[in-house]
Amino acid sequence: NDNENPGAITGMPLDIPVKNDAGSCDAVVTWTETPSAEDNCDGTIVATADMPSGSTFGLGDTIVT
């Protein structure tokens, strides 16, 4: 069993301020998905977000993890 967590995930964008789409209360937001991480064990690390690039976001702040 690998009981050591992988290193920090890097390569994700920070804050992306976006204005709402004209005539709408939301906006489609896109970003380049280039996450990477390191681990002490060989193998593939898959980093995923709870909302992918191209998702529609409502007004206000939304945190994507």
PDB file of N, CA and C in Angstrom:
ATOM      1  N   ASN A   1       0.835  -1.186   0.000  1.00  0.00           N
ATOM      2  CA  ASN A   1       0.000   0.000   0.000  1.00  0.00           C
ATOM      3  C   ASN A   1       0.870   1.237   0.000  1.00  0.00           C
ATOM      4  N   ASP A   2       0.499   2.196  -0.835  1.00  0.00           N
ATOM      5  CA  ASP A   2       1.178   3.496  -0.858  1.00  0.00           C
ATOM      6  C   ASP A   2       0.412   4.414   0.078  1.00  0.00           C
ATOM      7  N   ASN A   3       0.947   4.657   1.255  1.00  0.00           N
ATOM      8  CA  ASN A   3       0.267   5.478   2.254  1.00  0.00           C
ATOM      9  C   ASN A   3       0.734   6.928   2.257  1.00  0.00           C
ATOM     10  N   GLU A   4       1.555   7.305   1.302  1.00  0.00           N
ATOM     11  CA  GLU A   4       2.054   8.679   1.213  1.00  0.00           C
ATOM     12  C   GLU A   4       1.295   9.412   0.116  1.00  0.00           C
ATOM     13  N   ASN A   5       0.712  10.559   0.462  1.00  0.00           N
ATOM     14  CA  ASN A   5      -0.026  11.356  -0.518  1.00  0.00           C
ATOM     15  C   ASN A   5       0.904  11.872  -1.603  1.00  0.00           C
ATOM     16  N   PRO A   6       0.398  12.039  -2.836  1.00  0.00           N
ATOM     17  CA  PRO A   6       1.216  12.645  -3.885  1.00  0.00           C
ATOM     18  C   PRO A   6       1.488  14.107  -3.556  1.00  0.00           C
ATOM     19  N   GLY A   7       2.447  14.676  -4.272  1.00  0.00           N
ATOM     20  CA  GLY A   7       2.774  16.090  -4.078  1.00  0.00           C
ATOM     21  C   GLY A   7       1.636  16.978  -4.540  1.00  0.00           C
ATOM     22  N   ALA A   8       1.807  18.263  -4.385  1.00  0.00           N
ATOM     23  CA  ALA A   8       0.772  19.224  -4.761  1.00  0.00           C
ATOM     24  C   ALA A   8       0.485  19.148  -6.253  1.00  0.00           C
ATOM     25  N   ILE A   9      -0.764  19.360  -6.606  1.00  0.00           N
ATOM     26  CA  ILE A   9      -1.149  19.432  -8.016  1.00  0.00           C
ATOM     27  C   ILE A   9      -0.832  20.840  -8.496  1.00  0.00           C
ATOM     28  N   THR A  10      -0.150  20.939  -9.616  1.00  0.00           N
ATOM     29  CA  THR A  10       0.223  22.234 -10.192  1.00  0.00           C
ATOM     30  C   THR A  10      -0.323  22.332 -11.607  1.00  0.00           C
ATOM     31  N   GLY A  11      -0.254  23.514 -12.169  1.00  0.00           N
ATOM     32  CA  GLY A  11      -0.652  23.713 -13.552  1.00  0.00           C
ATOM     33  C   GLY A  11      -2.099  24.109 -13.748  1.00  0.00           C
ATOM     34  N   MET A  12      -2.841  24.322 -12.665  1.00  0.00           N
ATOM     35  CA  MET A  12      -4.228  24.758 -12.795  1.00  0.00           C
ATOM     36  C   MET A  12      -4.276  26.283 -12.693  1.00  0.00           C
ATOM     37  N   PRO A  13      -5.189  26.912 -13.424  1.00  0.00           N
ATOM     38  CA  PRO A  13      -5.273  28.378 -13.367  1.00  0.00           C
ATOM     39  C   PRO A  13      -5.759  28.852 -12.002  1.00  0.00           C
ATOM     40  N   LEU A  14      -5.389  30.060 -11.661  1.00  0.00           N
ATOM     41  CA  LEU A  14      -5.876  30.679 -10.431  1.00  0.00           C
ATOM     42  C   LEU A  14      -7.199  31.371 -10.749  1.00  0.00           C
ATOM     43  N   ASP A  15      -7.473  32.499 -10.148  1.00  0.00           N
ATOM     44  CA  ASP A  15      -8.737  33.207 -10.380  1.00  0.00           C
ATOM     45  C   ASP A  15      -8.902  33.562 -11.857  1.00  0.00           C
ATOM     46  N   ILE A  16     -10.114  33.360 -12.364  1.00  0.00           N
ATOM     47  CA  ILE A  16     -10.446  33.718 -13.740  1.00  0.00           C
ATOM     48  C   ILE A  16     -11.680  34.608 -13.695  1.00  0.00           C
ATOM     49  N   PRO A  17     -11.501  35.933 -13.601  1.00  0.00           N
ATOM     50  CA  PRO A  17     -12.676  36.804 -13.596  1.00  0.00           C
ATOM     51  C   PRO A  17     -13.305  36.834 -14.989  1.00  0.00           C
ATOM     52  N   VAL A  18     -14.628  36.632 -15.050  1.00  0.00           N
ATOM     53  CA  VAL A  18     -15.355  36.589 -16.316  1.00  0.00           C
ATOM     54  C   VAL A  18     -16.659  37.350 -16.141  1.00  0.00           C
ATOM     55  N   LYS A  19     -17.009  38.161 -17.141  1.00  0.00           N
ATOM     56  CA  LYS A  19     -18.308  38.844 -17.127  1.00  0.00           C
ATOM     57  C   LYS A  19     -19.358  37.884 -17.656  1.00  0.00           C
ATOM     58  N   ASN A  20     -20.600  38.074 -17.213  1.00  0.00           N
ATOM     59  CA  ASN A  20     -21.676  37.204 -17.689  1.00  0.00           C
ATOM     60  C   ASN A  20     -21.884  37.413 -19.186  1.00  0.00           C
ATOM     61  N   ASP A  21     -22.404  36.380 -19.849  1.00  0.00           N
ATOM     62  CA  ASP A  21     -22.707  36.471 -21.276  1.00  0.00           C
ATOM     63  C   ASP A  21     -23.841  37.480 -21.483  1.00  0.00           C
ATOM     64  N   ALA A  22     -23.819  38.198 -22.596  1.00  0.00           N
ATOM     65  CA  ALA A  22     -24.831  39.225 -22.892  1.00  0.00           C
ATOM     66  C   ALA A  22     -26.231  38.637 -22.803  1.00  0.00           C
ATOM     67  N   GLY A  23     -27.107  39.313 -22.060  1.00  0.00           N
ATOM     68  CA  GLY A  23     -28.494  38.895 -21.917  1.00  0.00           C
ATOM     69  C   GLY A  23     -28.685  37.653 -21.066  1.00  0.00           C
ATOM     70  N   SER A  24     -27.663  37.269 -20.312  1.00  0.00           N
ATOM     71  CA  SER A  24     -27.730  36.046 -19.513  1.00  0.00           C
ATOM     72  C   SER A  24     -27.191  36.305 -18.109  1.00  0.00           C
ATOM     73  N   CYS A  25     -27.561  35.455 -17.182  1.00  0.00           N
ATOM     74  CA  CYS A  25     -27.068  35.570 -15.807  1.00  0.00           C
ATOM     75  C   CYS A  25     -25.983  34.534 -15.523  1.00  0.00           C
ATOM     76  N   ASP A  26     -25.366  34.030 -16.582  1.00  0.00           N
ATOM     77  CA  ASP A  26     -24.273  33.085 -16.395  1.00  0.00           C
ATOM     78  C   ASP A  26     -23.279  33.247 -17.542  1.00  0.00           C
ATOM     79  N   ALA A  27     -22.217  32.458 -17.516  1.00  0.00           N
ATOM     80  CA  ALA A  27     -21.207  32.519 -18.561  1.00  0.00           C
ATOM     81  C   ALA A  27     -20.533  31.163 -18.689  1.00  0.00           C
ATOM     82  N   VAL A  28     -20.171  30.829 -19.905  1.00  0.00           N
ATOM     83  CA  VAL A  28     -19.356  29.647 -20.152  1.00  0.00           C
ATOM     84  C   VAL A  28     -17.909  30.067 -19.955  1.00  0.00           C
ATOM     85  N   VAL A  29     -17.179  29.303 -19.145  1.00  0.00           N
ATOM     86  CA  VAL A  29     -15.794  29.646 -18.832  1.00  0.00           C
ATOM     87  C   VAL A  29     -14.884  28.506 -19.285  1.00  0.00           C
ATOM     88  N   THR A  30     -13.839  28.864 -20.013  1.00  0.00           N
ATOM     89  CA  THR A  30     -12.881  27.863 -20.472  1.00  0.00           C
ATOM     90  C   THR A  30     -11.489  28.205 -19.961  1.00  0.00           C
ATOM     91  N   TRP A  31     -10.672  27.190 -19.790  1.00  0.00           N
ATOM     92  CA  TRP A  31      -9.283  27.355 -19.372  1.00  0.00           C
ATOM     93  C   TRP A  31      -8.500  26.168 -19.891  1.00  0.00           C
ATOM     94  N   THR A  32      -7.184  26.316 -19.922  1.00  0.00           N
ATOM     95  CA  THR A  32      -6.311  25.240 -20.354  1.00  0.00           C
ATOM     96  C   THR A  32      -6.086  24.297 -19.191  1.00  0.00           C
ATOM     97  N   GLU A  33      -6.425  23.038 -19.388  1.00  0.00           N
ATOM     98  CA  GLU A  33      -6.255  22.042 -18.333  1.00  0.00           C
ATOM     99  C   GLU A  33      -4.909  21.349 -18.510  1.00  0.00           C
ATOM    100  N   THR A  34      -3.953  21.729 -17.672  1.00  0.00           N
ATOM    101  CA  THR A  34      -2.625  21.121 -17.745  1.00  0.00           C
ATOM    102  C   THR A  34      -2.133  20.736 -16.353  1.00  0.00           C
ATOM    103  N   PRO A  35      -2.963  20.043 -15.579  1.00  0.00           N
ATOM    104  CA  PRO A  35      -2.523  19.708 -14.227  1.00  0.00           C
ATOM    105  C   PRO A  35      -1.439  18.636 -14.234  1.00  0.00           C
ATOM    106  N   SER A  36      -0.588  18.700 -13.223  1.00  0.00           N
ATOM    107  CA  SER A  36       0.411  17.656 -13.047  1.00  0.00           C
ATOM    108  C   SER A  36       0.685  17.515 -11.552  1.00  0.00           C
ATOM    109  N   ALA A  37       1.208  16.374 -11.184  1.00  0.00           N
ATOM    110  CA  ALA A  37       1.562  16.105  -9.793  1.00  0.00           C
ATOM    111  C   ALA A  37       2.694  15.098  -9.791  1.00  0.00           C
ATOM    112  N   GLU A  38       3.363  14.988  -8.673  1.00  0.00           N
ATOM    113  CA  GLU A  38       4.447  14.026  -8.527  1.00  0.00           C
ATOM    114  C   GLU A  38       4.114  13.079  -7.394  1.00  0.00           C
ATOM    115  N   ASP A  39       4.653  11.874  -7.473  1.00  0.00           N
ATOM    116  CA  ASP A  39       4.438  10.890  -6.426  1.00  0.00           C
ATOM    117  C   ASP A  39       5.738  10.112  -6.231  1.00  0.00           C
ATOM    118  N   ASN A  40       5.896   9.516  -5.080  1.00  0.00           N
ATOM    119  CA  ASN A  40       7.100   8.749  -4.799  1.00  0.00           C
ATOM    120  C   ASN A  40       7.047   7.348  -5.414  1.00  0.00           C
ATOM    121  N   CYS A  41       5.909   6.922  -5.933  1.00  0.00           N
ATOM    122  CA  CYS A  41       5.758   5.612  -6.565  1.00  0.00           C
ATOM    123  C   CYS A  41       5.536   5.791  -8.062  1.00  0.00           C
ATOM    124  N   ASP A  42       6.005   4.811  -8.830  1.00  0.00           N
ATOM    125  CA  ASP A  42       5.775   4.837 -10.266  1.00  0.00           C
ATOM    126  C   ASP A  42       4.296   4.651 -10.563  1.00  0.00           C
ATOM    127  N   GLY A  43       3.876   5.134 -11.706  1.00  0.00           N
ATOM    128  CA  GLY A  43       2.491   4.972 -12.116  1.00  0.00           C
ATOM    129  C   GLY A  43       1.955   6.269 -12.681  1.00  0.00           C
ATOM    130  N   THR A  44       0.716   6.242 -13.044  1.00  0.00           N
ATOM    131  CA  THR A  44       0.062   7.401 -13.630  1.00  0.00           C
ATOM    132  C   THR A  44      -0.770   8.108 -12.579  1.00  0.00           C
ATOM    133  N   ILE A  45      -0.646   9.419 -12.541  1.00  0.00           N
ATOM    134  CA  ILE A  45      -1.454  10.240 -11.647  1.00  0.00           C
ATOM    135  C   ILE A  45      -2.491  10.947 -12.502  1.00  0.00           C
ATOM    136  N   VAL A  46      -3.743  10.800 -12.156  1.00  0.00           N
ATOM    137  CA  VAL A  46      -4.816  11.454 -12.897  1.00  0.00           C
ATOM    138  C   VAL A  46      -5.403  12.546 -12.013  1.00  0.00           C
ATOM    139  N   ALA A  47      -5.331  13.785 -12.490  1.00  0.00           N
ATOM    140  CA  ALA A  47      -5.902  14.916 -11.758  1.00  0.00           C
ATOM    141  C   ALA A  47      -7.184  15.330 -12.472  1.00  0.00           C
ATOM    142  N   THR A  48      -8.259  15.441 -11.732  1.00  0.00           N
ATOM    143  CA  THR A  48      -9.532  15.829 -12.324  1.00  0.00           C
ATOM    144  C   THR A  48     -10.122  17.006 -11.552  1.00  0.00           C
ATOM    145  N   ALA A  49     -10.978  17.744 -12.219  1.00  0.00           N
ATOM    146  CA  ALA A  49     -11.676  18.860 -11.586  1.00  0.00           C
ATOM    147  C   ALA A  49     -13.148  18.506 -11.473  1.00  0.00           C
ATOM    148  N   ASP A  50     -13.818  19.090 -10.475  1.00  0.00           N
ATOM    149  CA  ASP A  50     -15.239  18.806 -10.314  1.00  0.00           C
ATOM    150  C   ASP A  50     -16.092  19.485 -11.384  1.00  0.00           C
ATOM    151  N   MET A  51     -15.544  20.463 -12.073  1.00  0.00           N
ATOM    152  CA  MET A  51     -16.217  21.107 -13.204  1.00  0.00           C
ATOM    153  C   MET A  51     -15.177  21.265 -14.306  1.00  0.00           C
ATOM    154  N   PRO A  52     -15.402  20.723 -15.481  1.00  0.00           N
ATOM    155  CA  PRO A  52     -14.414  20.815 -16.547  1.00  0.00           C
ATOM    156  C   PRO A  52     -14.438  22.175 -17.243  1.00  0.00           C
ATOM    157  N   SER A  53     -13.364  22.471 -17.946  1.00  0.00           N
ATOM    158  CA  SER A  53     -13.312  23.660 -18.784  1.00  0.00           C
ATOM    159  C   SER A  53     -14.495  23.624 -19.741  1.00  0.00           C
ATOM    160  N   GLY A  54     -15.124  24.781 -19.955  1.00  0.00           N
ATOM    161  CA  GLY A  54     -16.294  24.854 -20.818  1.00  0.00           C
ATOM    162  C   GLY A  54     -17.604  24.752 -20.065  1.00  0.00           C
ATOM    163  N   SER A  55     -17.528  24.676 -18.733  1.00  0.00           N
ATOM    164  CA  SER A  55     -18.740  24.612 -17.912  1.00  0.00           C
ATOM    165  C   SER A  55     -19.406  25.982 -17.854  1.00  0.00           C
ATOM    166  N   THR A  56     -20.698  25.977 -17.550  1.00  0.00           N
ATOM    167  CA  THR A  56     -21.444  27.212 -17.380  1.00  0.00           C
ATOM    168  C   THR A  56     -21.480  27.546 -15.894  1.00  0.00           C
ATOM    169  N   PHE A  57     -21.114  28.785 -15.571  1.00  0.00           N
ATOM    170  CA  PHE A  57     -21.069  29.257 -14.193  1.00  0.00           C
ATOM    171  C   PHE A  57     -22.077  30.374 -14.000  1.00  0.00           C
ATOM    172  N   GLY A  58     -22.787  30.347 -12.876  1.00  0.00           N
ATOM    173  CA  GLY A  58     -23.731  31.408 -12.526  1.00  0.00           C
ATOM    174  C   GLY A  58     -22.991  32.607 -11.960  1.00  0.00           C
ATOM    175  N   LEU A  59     -23.758  33.642 -11.634  1.00  0.00           N
ATOM    176  CA  LEU A  59     -23.178  34.845 -11.039  1.00  0.00           C
ATOM    177  C   LEU A  59     -22.531  34.526  -9.695  1.00  0.00           C
ATOM    178  N   GLY A  60     -21.482  35.256  -9.358  1.00  0.00           N
ATOM    179  CA  GLY A  60     -20.812  35.083  -8.083  1.00  0.00           C
ATOM    180  C   GLY A  60     -19.578  34.214  -8.218  1.00  0.00           C
ATOM    181  N   ASP A  61     -18.920  33.997  -7.110  1.00  0.00           N
ATOM    182  CA  ASP A  61     -17.700  33.194  -7.081  1.00  0.00           C
ATOM    183  C   ASP A  61     -18.049  31.707  -7.075  1.00  0.00           C
ATOM    184  N   THR A  62     -17.290  30.935  -7.838  1.00  0.00           N
ATOM    185  CA  THR A  62     -17.413  29.491  -7.851  1.00  0.00           C
ATOM    186  C   THR A  62     -16.023  28.902  -7.677  1.00  0.00           C
ATOM    187  N   ILE A  63     -15.864  28.008  -6.745  1.00  0.00           N
ATOM    188  CA  ILE A  63     -14.567  27.358  -6.525  1.00  0.00           C
ATOM    189  C   ILE A  63     -14.599  26.001  -7.210  1.00  0.00           C
ATOM    190  N   VAL A  64     -13.623  25.784  -8.088  1.00  0.00           N
ATOM    191  CA  VAL A  64     -13.479  24.500  -8.766  1.00  0.00           C
ATOM    192  C   VAL A  64     -12.350  23.751  -8.067  1.00  0.00           C
ATOM    193  N   THR A  65     -12.650  22.557  -7.627  1.00  0.00           N
ATOM    194  CA  THR A  65     -11.621  21.766  -6.930  1.00  0.00           C
ATOM    195  C   THR A  65     -11.228  20.572  -7.767  1.00  0.00           C
TER     196      THR A  65
END
